[in-house]
């Protein structure tokens, strides 16, 4: 399924017109009222093909969320905002091509970027019906894989896109154990050190399942290089943590 998601995405982007470049995406994003407005505006402006396209159904329906920084006085739940949902390969790429990459909105070593008066510090992609919070019943007794490290923004973009593709393409999950994934900005204001965290939330704390999933997770992020003999790929190291019952 991952190969199909990737291949159709490249073809779909071509037929709908090439996605905007990084500078253009960032300029558009700064002019819109957040990710939701930006996505809806870009999608409505796309020129649709004259003939009906064949769609490729994903195994699950997914929802993309944005998370803004909140003050101590604000309710944390108010930080989450649903951006879009998709259930086909084509829907995913139509949204994804116009959604800013983490490097375009997260801390860049100089400043936390503001969008319409708010600072976005995380993106999430979760199965429809599961909110990206530990209080959700599907997450409450599960576990998570976390990778917190310093990395260059362009590397973060690659890891994040590969993680999402592995998620919706069902190459990370052998059964139905995955809930969703997140990319979180953990950089501290006033420093030049870029710190980010990649997360994969799962329903089970079973160690045997986790060990197998860790291999698939590493392969997804490195385009399959992690399992090759004498590979030289930079394989992110993920820690597995169970949620307290």
Protein backbone atom coordinates (compact mmCIF):
# COMPACT_ATOMS: atom_id res chain seq x y z
CA UNK A 1 0.00 0.00 0.00
CA UNK A 2 2.89 2.39 0.74
CA UNK A 3 4.16 2.05 -2.84
CA UNK A 4 0.66 2.78 -4.11
CA UNK A 5 0.32 5.86 -1.90
CA UNK A 6 3.68 7.17 -3.12
CA UNK A 7 3.16 6.36 -6.81
CA UNK A 8 -0.38 7.70 -7.03
CA UNK A 9 0.69 10.77 -5.11
CA UNK A 10 3.33 11.60 -7.70
CA UNK A 11 0.88 11.01 -10.57
CA UNK A 12 -1.94 12.88 -8.87
CA UNK A 13 0.27 15.88 -8.19
CA UNK A 14 1.30 15.93 -11.85
CA UNK A 15 -2.24 15.82 -13.20
CA UNK A 16 -3.49 18.47 -10.81
CA UNK A 17 -0.55 20.76 -11.39
CA UNK A 18 2.74 20.84 -9.54
CA UNK A 19 2.45 21.81 -5.87
CA UNK A 20 3.76 25.23 -4.90
CA UNK A 21 7.38 25.60 -3.91
CA UNK A 22 8.52 26.12 -0.35
CA UNK A 23 8.63 29.92 -0.52
CA UNK A 24 5.23 30.12 -2.18
CA UNK A 25 3.70 27.72 0.38
CA UNK A 26 5.12 29.75 3.24
CA UNK A 27 3.90 33.06 1.81
CA UNK A 28 0.41 31.70 1.24
CA UNK A 29 0.35 30.18 4.67
CA UNK A 30 1.26 33.44 6.38
CA UNK A 31 -1.54 35.22 4.51
CA UNK A 32 -4.26 32.77 5.54
CA UNK A 33 -6.09 32.30 8.81
CA UNK A 34 -4.31 29.14 9.84
CA UNK A 35 -3.95 25.78 8.20
CA UNK A 36 -7.69 25.11 7.84
CA UNK A 37 -8.37 28.25 5.80
CA UNK A 38 -5.25 27.69 3.75
CA UNK A 39 -6.08 24.12 2.86
CA UNK A 40 -9.70 24.86 1.94
CA UNK A 41 -8.69 27.85 -0.16
CA UNK A 42 -6.01 25.95 -2.06
CA UNK A 43 -8.22 22.93 -2.67
CA UNK A 44 -11.11 25.03 -3.94
CA UNK A 45 -8.78 26.80 -6.37
CA UNK A 46 -7.40 23.63 -7.92
CA UNK A 47 -8.36 22.86 -11.50
CA UNK A 48 -10.03 19.45 -11.52
CA UNK A 49 -9.42 17.05 -14.43
CA UNK A 50 -12.10 16.88 -17.09
CA UNK A 51 -12.45 13.11 -16.80
CA UNK A 52 -13.40 11.20 -13.70
CA UNK A 53 -10.37 9.85 -11.88
CA UNK A 54 -10.06 6.40 -10.37
CA UNK A 55 -9.65 6.61 -6.61
CA UNK A 56 -7.68 4.30 -4.36
CA UNK A 57 -9.29 3.68 -1.00
CA UNK A 58 -7.15 3.69 2.11
CA UNK A 59 -7.74 1.02 4.72
CA UNK A 60 -8.73 3.69 7.24
CA UNK A 61 -9.98 7.26 7.26
CA UNK A 62 -7.45 9.67 8.77
CA UNK A 63 -7.64 13.16 10.27
CA UNK A 64 -4.87 15.76 10.28
CA UNK A 65 -4.73 18.07 13.32
CA UNK A 66 -2.75 21.17 14.18
CA UNK A 67 -1.78 22.05 17.76
CA UNK A 68 -1.07 25.57 18.93
CA UNK A 69 0.83 26.71 21.97
CA UNK A 70 -1.44 27.63 24.87
CA UNK A 71 -0.95 29.74 27.94
CA UNK A 72 -1.34 28.38 31.46
CA UNK A 73 -4.78 29.97 31.61
CA UNK A 74 -6.03 28.23 28.46
CA UNK A 75 -7.60 24.78 28.26
CA UNK A 76 -5.19 22.37 26.54
CA UNK A 77 -8.06 20.89 24.53
CA UNK A 78 -8.52 24.25 22.84
CA UNK A 79 -5.06 23.87 21.32
CA UNK A 80 -6.23 21.12 18.93
CA UNK A 81 -7.80 21.98 15.61
CA UNK A 82 -8.94 19.57 12.92
CA UNK A 83 -7.49 20.51 9.55
CA UNK A 84 -8.86 17.88 7.16
CA UNK A 85 -9.77 14.23 6.81
CA UNK A 86 -9.06 11.84 3.95
CA UNK A 87 -9.91 8.26 3.05
CA UNK A 88 -8.32 7.86 -0.39
CA UNK A 89 -4.79 8.21 -1.72
CA UNK A 90 -5.90 11.04 -3.99
CA UNK A 91 -7.54 13.00 -1.17
CA UNK A 92 -4.41 12.69 0.91
CA UNK A 93 -2.08 14.11 -1.75
CA UNK A 94 -4.44 16.94 -2.64
CA UNK A 95 -4.32 18.14 0.95
CA UNK A 96 -0.72 17.21 1.70
CA UNK A 97 0.68 19.13 -1.28
CA UNK A 98 -0.59 22.41 0.19
CA UNK A 99 -0.10 21.83 3.90
CA UNK A 100 3.09 23.46 5.23
CA UNK A 101 5.97 21.24 6.22
CA UNK A 102 7.09 21.25 9.88
CA UNK A 103 10.18 23.27 8.93
CA UNK A 104 7.96 26.06 7.63
CA UNK A 105 6.05 26.67 10.86
CA UNK A 106 8.05 25.23 13.76
CA UNK A 107 11.03 26.86 15.51
CA UNK A 108 13.82 27.65 13.05
CA UNK A 109 16.59 28.47 15.53
CA UNK A 110 15.69 32.16 15.60
CA UNK A 111 12.01 32.42 16.39
CA UNK A 112 8.76 30.58 16.94
CA UNK A 113 6.67 31.56 13.93
CA UNK A 114 3.21 32.99 14.45
CA UNK A 115 0.26 32.28 12.18
CA UNK A 116 -2.76 34.52 12.63
CA UNK A 117 -1.66 35.33 16.16
CA UNK A 118 -0.95 31.78 17.28
CA UNK A 119 2.13 29.57 17.34
CA UNK A 120 1.81 26.04 15.99
CA UNK A 121 4.03 23.58 17.83
CA UNK A 122 2.74 20.21 16.58
CA UNK A 123 0.91 18.31 13.85
CA UNK A 124 -0.93 15.02 14.31
CA UNK A 125 -2.40 12.40 11.99
CA UNK A 126 -4.84 10.03 13.72
CA UNK A 127 -7.48 7.57 12.67
CA UNK A 128 -10.91 9.13 12.42
CA UNK A 129 -12.72 8.79 15.72
CA UNK A 130 -9.52 8.95 17.81
CA UNK A 131 -8.49 12.32 19.21
CA UNK A 132 -4.75 13.02 19.62
CA UNK A 133 -4.93 13.10 23.41
CA UNK A 134 -4.20 10.45 26.05
CA UNK A 135 -7.67 10.86 27.55
CA UNK A 136 -9.23 9.30 24.46
CA UNK A 137 -10.42 5.74 25.30
CA UNK A 138 -8.40 4.27 22.43
CA UNK A 139 -5.19 5.84 23.75
CA UNK A 140 -5.71 5.60 27.49
CA UNK A 141 -4.24 2.12 28.05
CA UNK A 142 -1.90 2.05 25.06
CA UNK A 143 1.73 3.00 24.52
CA UNK A 144 3.91 5.18 22.33
CA UNK A 145 7.16 5.15 20.39
CA UNK A 146 9.05 8.42 20.84
CA UNK A 147 12.15 9.82 19.20
CA UNK A 148 13.36 13.12 20.64
CA UNK A 149 16.45 14.50 19.00
CA UNK A 150 18.18 17.46 17.43
CA UNK A 151 17.88 17.44 13.67
CA UNK A 152 17.95 19.81 10.75
CA UNK A 153 14.52 21.00 9.54
CA UNK A 154 14.88 19.38 6.12
CA UNK A 155 15.60 16.01 7.77
CA UNK A 156 12.59 16.47 10.02
CA UNK A 157 10.40 17.07 6.95
CA UNK A 158 11.56 13.81 5.36
CA UNK A 159 11.02 11.80 8.53
CA UNK A 160 7.58 13.29 9.10
CA UNK A 161 6.36 12.63 5.57
CA UNK A 162 7.74 9.08 5.60
CA UNK A 163 6.11 8.45 8.98
CA UNK A 164 2.73 9.60 7.70
CA UNK A 165 3.07 7.58 4.49
CA UNK A 166 3.98 4.47 6.48
CA UNK A 167 0.97 5.10 8.69
CA UNK A 168 -1.74 5.57 6.07
CA UNK A 169 -0.14 2.99 3.77
CA UNK A 170 -0.38 0.41 6.61
CA UNK A 171 3.27 -0.64 6.34
CA UNK A 172 4.01 0.14 10.00
CA UNK A 173 0.94 -1.57 11.43
CA UNK A 174 0.58 -5.31 10.78
CA UNK A 175 -2.82 -5.49 12.45
CA UNK A 176 -4.91 -2.66 13.88
CA UNK A 177 -2.70 -1.46 16.71
CA UNK A 178 -1.79 2.06 15.57
CA UNK A 179 -3.81 5.10 16.67
CA UNK A 180 -1.82 7.90 15.08
CA UNK A 181 1.41 9.88 14.95
CA UNK A 182 2.67 13.32 15.91
CA UNK A 183 5.54 15.70 15.24
CA UNK A 184 6.18 18.09 18.13
CA UNK A 185 8.42 21.15 18.45
CA UNK A 186 10.47 20.80 21.66
CA UNK A 187 12.94 23.60 20.93
CA UNK A 188 13.48 26.23 23.61
CA UNK A 189 13.04 29.89 22.86
CA UNK A 190 16.25 31.89 22.96
CA UNK A 191 18.48 29.01 21.90
CA UNK A 192 19.77 27.98 18.49
CA UNK A 193 19.33 24.29 19.21
CA UNK A 194 16.53 22.65 17.24
CA UNK A 195 14.83 19.86 19.16
CA UNK A 196 11.88 17.87 17.80
CA UNK A 197 9.97 14.77 18.82
CA UNK A 198 8.39 12.17 16.57
CA UNK A 199 5.71 10.01 18.16
CA UNK A 200 3.75 6.92 17.17
CA UNK A 201 0.78 6.13 19.43
CA UNK A 202 -0.44 2.53 19.64
CA UNK A 203 -3.30 0.73 21.37
CA UNK A 204 -1.22 -2.06 22.89
CA UNK A 205 1.72 -2.32 25.25
CA UNK A 206 2.61 -5.84 24.12
CA UNK A 207 6.40 -6.02 23.85
CA UNK A 208 6.48 -8.64 21.09
CA UNK A 209 4.22 -6.53 18.89
CA UNK A 210 6.26 -3.44 19.75
CA UNK A 211 9.55 -5.07 18.73
CA UNK A 212 8.20 -6.01 15.31
CA UNK A 213 6.61 -2.61 14.85
CA UNK A 214 9.87 -0.85 15.73
CA UNK A 215 11.57 -2.51 12.76
CA UNK A 216 8.79 -1.49 10.39
CA UNK A 217 8.83 2.01 11.83
CA UNK A 218 12.57 2.41 11.21
CA UNK A 219 12.19 1.09 7.66
CA UNK A 220 9.34 3.49 6.96
CA UNK A 221 11.34 6.53 8.07
CA UNK A 222 14.45 5.51 6.12
CA UNK A 223 12.72 4.25 2.95
CA UNK A 224 13.61 0.66 3.77
CA UNK A 225 17.32 1.26 4.35
CA UNK A 226 17.24 0.31 8.04
CA UNK A 227 16.95 -3.44 7.37
CA UNK A 228 19.61 -3.65 4.69
CA UNK A 229 23.00 -5.17 5.61
CA UNK A 230 25.71 -2.59 6.29
CA UNK A 231 23.23 0.22 5.79
CA UNK A 232 24.52 3.75 6.24
CA UNK A 233 21.15 5.38 6.75
CA UNK A 234 20.64 7.50 9.82
CA UNK A 235 18.10 5.40 11.67
CA UNK A 236 16.20 7.32 14.36
CA UNK A 237 16.13 5.52 17.70
CA UNK A 238 12.67 5.19 19.21
CA UNK A 239 11.92 4.54 22.86
CA UNK A 240 8.85 2.47 23.69
CA UNK A 241 6.76 3.64 26.66
CA UNK A 242 3.61 2.07 28.04
CA UNK A 243 0.84 4.18 29.45
CA UNK A 244 0.08 3.75 33.12
CA UNK A 245 -3.17 1.76 33.61
